[in-house]
Amino acid sequence: MNKEKIPTLSQMFRFQWEEAQNSHVILYPEGMVKLSGSAGEIMKQVDGKATVSTIIQTLSDLYDGADVGDDVIAFLSEAESNGWI
């Protein structure tokens, strides 16, 4: 996952908070993927404008300077493999 890439949610999927699941989810015609809290925080940053580098910096700032780069890249790579982005 290139840090200058700008991830965008695929049109086949919808990202939203699901009260019944008490978590963020990715919806698609055949079902739903329940996301962990950290995965939901990453997906909240996927707006079609922010680069991977910007997403990493935003989340690092949100978590008091934590080194989140590898985790963000790993999740976004998996999301890309799943076709979500």
N, C-alpha and C. Protein backbone atom coordinates (compact mmCIF):
# COMPACT_ATOMS: atom_id res chain seq x y z
N MET A 1 0.86 -1.18 0.00
CA MET A 1 0.00 0.00 0.00
C MET A 1 0.90 1.23 0.00
N ASN A 2 0.86 1.96 -1.06
CA ASN A 2 1.64 3.19 -1.23
C ASN A 2 1.09 4.27 -0.31
N LYS A 3 1.96 4.95 0.43
CA LYS A 3 1.52 5.98 1.38
C LYS A 3 0.93 7.21 0.70
N GLU A 4 1.17 7.38 -0.59
CA GLU A 4 0.60 8.53 -1.31
C GLU A 4 -0.73 8.18 -1.99
N LYS A 5 -1.14 6.94 -1.89
CA LYS A 5 -2.41 6.51 -2.47
C LYS A 5 -3.57 7.15 -1.71
N ILE A 6 -4.63 7.46 -2.42
CA ILE A 6 -5.84 8.02 -1.81
C ILE A 6 -6.92 6.94 -1.87
N PRO A 7 -7.14 6.23 -0.76
CA PRO A 7 -8.15 5.18 -0.77
C PRO A 7 -9.57 5.75 -0.82
N THR A 8 -10.42 5.04 -1.53
CA THR A 8 -11.82 5.42 -1.68
C THR A 8 -12.68 4.17 -1.51
N LEU A 9 -13.78 4.30 -0.81
CA LEU A 9 -14.68 3.18 -0.63
C LEU A 9 -15.29 2.79 -1.97
N SER A 10 -15.25 1.51 -2.28
CA SER A 10 -15.84 1.01 -3.51
C SER A 10 -17.34 1.29 -3.53
N GLN A 11 -17.87 1.57 -4.69
CA GLN A 11 -19.30 1.88 -4.82
C GLN A 11 -20.19 0.69 -4.48
N MET A 12 -19.64 -0.51 -4.46
CA MET A 12 -20.42 -1.71 -4.13
C MET A 12 -20.65 -1.86 -2.63
N PHE A 13 -19.97 -1.03 -1.82
CA PHE A 13 -20.03 -1.16 -0.38
C PHE A 13 -20.46 0.15 0.26
N ARG A 14 -20.98 0.03 1.48
CA ARG A 14 -21.35 1.21 2.26
C ARG A 14 -20.79 1.05 3.67
N PHE A 15 -20.15 2.08 4.16
CA PHE A 15 -19.57 2.10 5.50
C PHE A 15 -20.49 2.91 6.38
N GLN A 16 -20.86 2.36 7.54
CA GLN A 16 -21.73 3.11 8.44
C GLN A 16 -21.66 2.54 9.85
N TRP A 17 -22.15 3.35 10.80
CA TRP A 17 -22.32 2.89 12.18
C TRP A 17 -23.61 2.09 12.23
N GLU A 18 -23.55 0.92 12.82
CA GLU A 18 -24.73 0.06 12.95
C GLU A 18 -25.03 -0.09 14.44
N GLU A 19 -26.08 0.59 14.87
CA GLU A 19 -26.43 0.60 16.30
C GLU A 19 -26.67 -0.82 16.82
N ALA A 20 -27.36 -1.65 16.06
CA ALA A 20 -27.66 -3.01 16.50
C ALA A 20 -26.39 -3.83 16.74
N GLN A 21 -25.33 -3.53 15.99
CA GLN A 21 -24.05 -4.23 16.15
C GLN A 21 -23.11 -3.50 17.12
N ASN A 22 -23.47 -2.28 17.47
CA ASN A 22 -22.65 -1.42 18.31
C ASN A 22 -21.23 -1.28 17.74
N SER A 23 -21.18 -1.15 16.41
CA SER A 23 -19.88 -1.01 15.74
C SER A 23 -20.08 -0.47 14.34
N HIS A 24 -18.97 -0.08 13.73
CA HIS A 24 -19.01 0.29 12.32
C HIS A 24 -19.05 -0.99 11.50
N VAL A 25 -19.72 -0.92 10.38
CA VAL A 25 -19.84 -2.08 9.50
C VAL A 25 -19.62 -1.65 8.05
N ILE A 26 -19.30 -2.61 7.24
CA ILE A 26 -19.29 -2.42 5.80
C ILE A 26 -20.42 -3.29 5.26
N LEU A 27 -21.36 -2.62 4.60
CA LEU A 27 -22.51 -3.32 4.04
C LEU A 27 -22.30 -3.58 2.56
N TYR A 28 -22.78 -4.71 2.10
CA TYR A 28 -22.76 -5.05 0.68
C TYR A 28 -24.00 -5.86 0.39
N PRO A 29 -24.38 -6.03 -0.88
CA PRO A 29 -25.67 -6.66 -1.20
C PRO A 29 -25.90 -8.02 -0.53
N GLU A 30 -24.87 -8.81 -0.34
CA GLU A 30 -25.04 -10.14 0.22
C GLU A 30 -24.88 -10.20 1.73
N GLY A 31 -24.53 -9.08 2.37
CA GLY A 31 -24.34 -9.14 3.80
C GLY A 31 -23.65 -7.95 4.40
N MET A 32 -22.90 -8.24 5.48
CA MET A 32 -22.29 -7.18 6.27
C MET A 32 -21.01 -7.70 6.91
N VAL A 33 -20.04 -6.80 7.04
CA VAL A 33 -18.80 -7.10 7.75
C VAL A 33 -18.75 -6.19 8.96
N LYS A 34 -18.71 -6.78 10.14
CA LYS A 34 -18.58 -6.01 11.38
C LYS A 34 -17.11 -5.70 11.59
N LEU A 35 -16.79 -4.43 11.80
CA LEU A 35 -15.41 -4.00 11.96
C LEU A 35 -15.05 -3.83 13.43
N SER A 36 -13.80 -4.08 13.73
CA SER A 36 -13.30 -3.80 15.08
C SER A 36 -13.28 -2.28 15.27
N GLY A 37 -13.09 -1.85 16.50
CA GLY A 37 -13.04 -0.42 16.77
C GLY A 37 -11.95 0.29 16.00
N SER A 38 -10.76 -0.31 15.96
CA SER A 38 -9.65 0.34 15.25
C SER A 38 -9.89 0.33 13.74
N ALA A 39 -10.45 -0.75 13.21
CA ALA A 39 -10.76 -0.79 11.77
C ALA A 39 -11.79 0.26 11.42
N GLY A 40 -12.77 0.45 12.29
CA GLY A 40 -13.77 1.49 12.07
C GLY A 40 -13.15 2.88 12.06
N GLU A 41 -12.20 3.12 12.97
CA GLU A 41 -11.53 4.42 13.02
C GLU A 41 -10.74 4.66 11.73
N ILE A 42 -10.10 3.62 11.22
CA ILE A 42 -9.36 3.77 9.96
C ILE A 42 -10.33 4.08 8.83
N MET A 43 -11.42 3.31 8.74
CA MET A 43 -12.37 3.51 7.64
C MET A 43 -13.05 4.87 7.71
N LYS A 44 -13.19 5.45 8.90
CA LYS A 44 -13.77 6.80 9.01
C LYS A 44 -12.91 7.82 8.29
N GLN A 45 -11.62 7.52 8.14
CA GLN A 45 -10.70 8.44 7.48
C GLN A 45 -10.67 8.27 5.96
N VAL A 46 -11.24 7.17 5.47
CA VAL A 46 -11.23 6.89 4.03
C VAL A 46 -12.34 7.73 3.39
N ASP A 47 -11.97 8.92 2.92
CA ASP A 47 -12.95 9.87 2.39
C ASP A 47 -12.74 10.21 0.91
N GLY A 48 -11.79 9.53 0.28
CA GLY A 48 -11.51 9.82 -1.13
C GLY A 48 -10.67 11.07 -1.33
N LYS A 49 -10.20 11.67 -0.23
CA LYS A 49 -9.38 12.88 -0.31
C LYS A 49 -8.04 12.70 0.41
N ALA A 50 -8.07 11.97 1.51
CA ALA A 50 -6.87 11.80 2.34
C ALA A 50 -5.97 10.69 1.79
N THR A 51 -4.67 10.98 1.77
CA THR A 51 -3.72 9.94 1.40
C THR A 51 -3.54 8.98 2.57
N VAL A 52 -2.95 7.83 2.30
CA VAL A 52 -2.64 6.88 3.36
C VAL A 52 -1.76 7.55 4.41
N SER A 53 -0.80 8.34 3.97
CA SER A 53 0.09 9.06 4.88
C SER A 53 -0.70 10.00 5.79
N THR A 54 -1.67 10.70 5.23
CA THR A 54 -2.51 11.61 6.02
C THR A 54 -3.36 10.83 7.02
N ILE A 55 -3.90 9.71 6.59
CA ILE A 55 -4.70 8.87 7.49
C ILE A 55 -3.84 8.40 8.66
N ILE A 56 -2.63 7.95 8.37
CA ILE A 56 -1.73 7.51 9.44
C ILE A 56 -1.46 8.66 10.41
N GLN A 57 -1.17 9.85 9.90
CA GLN A 57 -0.88 10.99 10.77
C GLN A 57 -2.10 11.37 11.61
N THR A 58 -3.27 11.39 11.00
CA THR A 58 -4.50 11.73 11.73
C THR A 58 -4.74 10.77 12.88
N LEU A 59 -4.59 9.47 12.60
CA LEU A 59 -4.82 8.48 13.64
C LEU A 59 -3.73 8.50 14.70
N SER A 60 -2.51 8.76 14.30
CA SER A 60 -1.42 8.89 15.27
C SER A 60 -1.71 10.06 16.21
N ASP A 61 -2.16 11.18 15.66
CA ASP A 61 -2.52 12.34 16.48
C ASP A 61 -3.68 12.00 17.42
N LEU A 62 -4.66 11.27 16.90
CA LEU A 62 -5.84 10.88 17.69
C LEU A 62 -5.45 10.00 18.88
N TYR A 63 -4.43 9.17 18.68
CA TYR A 63 -3.98 8.25 19.72
C TYR A 63 -2.66 8.68 20.34
N ASP A 64 -2.53 9.98 20.60
CA ASP A 64 -1.40 10.55 21.35
C ASP A 64 -0.03 10.15 20.81
N GLY A 65 0.10 10.19 19.49
CA GLY A 65 1.40 9.94 18.87
C GLY A 65 1.77 8.48 18.70
N ALA A 66 0.80 7.60 18.88
CA ALA A 66 1.08 6.16 18.74
C ALA A 66 1.57 5.85 17.33
N ASP A 67 2.44 4.86 17.23
CA ASP A 67 2.97 4.42 15.93
C ASP A 67 1.96 3.45 15.32
N VAL A 68 1.06 3.99 14.50
CA VAL A 68 -0.03 3.20 13.92
C VAL A 68 0.20 2.87 12.45
N GLY A 69 1.31 3.33 11.88
CA GLY A 69 1.55 3.21 10.45
C GLY A 69 1.43 1.80 9.91
N ASP A 70 2.11 0.85 10.53
CA ASP A 70 2.08 -0.53 10.04
C ASP A 70 0.67 -1.12 10.11
N ASP A 71 -0.04 -0.83 11.20
CA ASP A 71 -1.40 -1.35 11.36
C ASP A 71 -2.36 -0.76 10.33
N VAL A 72 -2.23 0.54 10.07
CA VAL A 72 -3.09 1.19 9.08
C VAL A 72 -2.81 0.61 7.69
N ILE A 73 -1.56 0.48 7.36
CA ILE A 73 -1.20 -0.07 6.04
C ILE A 73 -1.68 -1.50 5.91
N ALA A 74 -1.52 -2.31 6.97
CA ALA A 74 -1.98 -3.70 6.92
C ALA A 74 -3.50 -3.77 6.73
N PHE A 75 -4.25 -2.95 7.47
CA PHE A 75 -5.70 -2.97 7.33
C PHE A 75 -6.13 -2.49 5.95
N LEU A 76 -5.56 -1.39 5.48
CA LEU A 76 -5.96 -0.87 4.17
C LEU A 76 -5.58 -1.85 3.05
N SER A 77 -4.47 -2.56 3.21
CA SER A 77 -4.10 -3.57 2.23
C SER A 77 -5.13 -4.70 2.21
N GLU A 78 -5.58 -5.11 3.39
CA GLU A 78 -6.61 -6.15 3.47
C GLU A 78 -7.94 -5.65 2.90
N ALA A 79 -8.28 -4.40 3.21
CA ALA A 79 -9.51 -3.81 2.68
C ALA A 79 -9.45 -3.77 1.15
N GLU A 80 -8.28 -3.46 0.61
CA GLU A 80 -8.12 -3.43 -0.83
C GLU A 80 -8.25 -4.83 -1.42
N SER A 81 -7.67 -5.82 -0.74
CA SER A 81 -7.77 -7.22 -1.21
C SER A 81 -9.22 -7.69 -1.20
N ASN A 82 -10.00 -7.22 -0.23
CA ASN A 82 -11.41 -7.59 -0.14
C ASN A 82 -12.29 -6.81 -1.10
N GLY A 83 -11.71 -5.80 -1.76
CA GLY A 83 -12.47 -5.00 -2.71
C GLY A 83 -13.25 -3.88 -2.08
N TRP A 84 -13.05 -3.64 -0.77
CA TRP A 84 -13.78 -2.58 -0.09
C TRP A 84 -13.32 -1.22 -0.55
N ILE A 85 -12.02 -1.10 -0.84
CA ILE A 85 -11.47 0.16 -1.32
C ILE A 85 -10.76 -0.08 -2.65
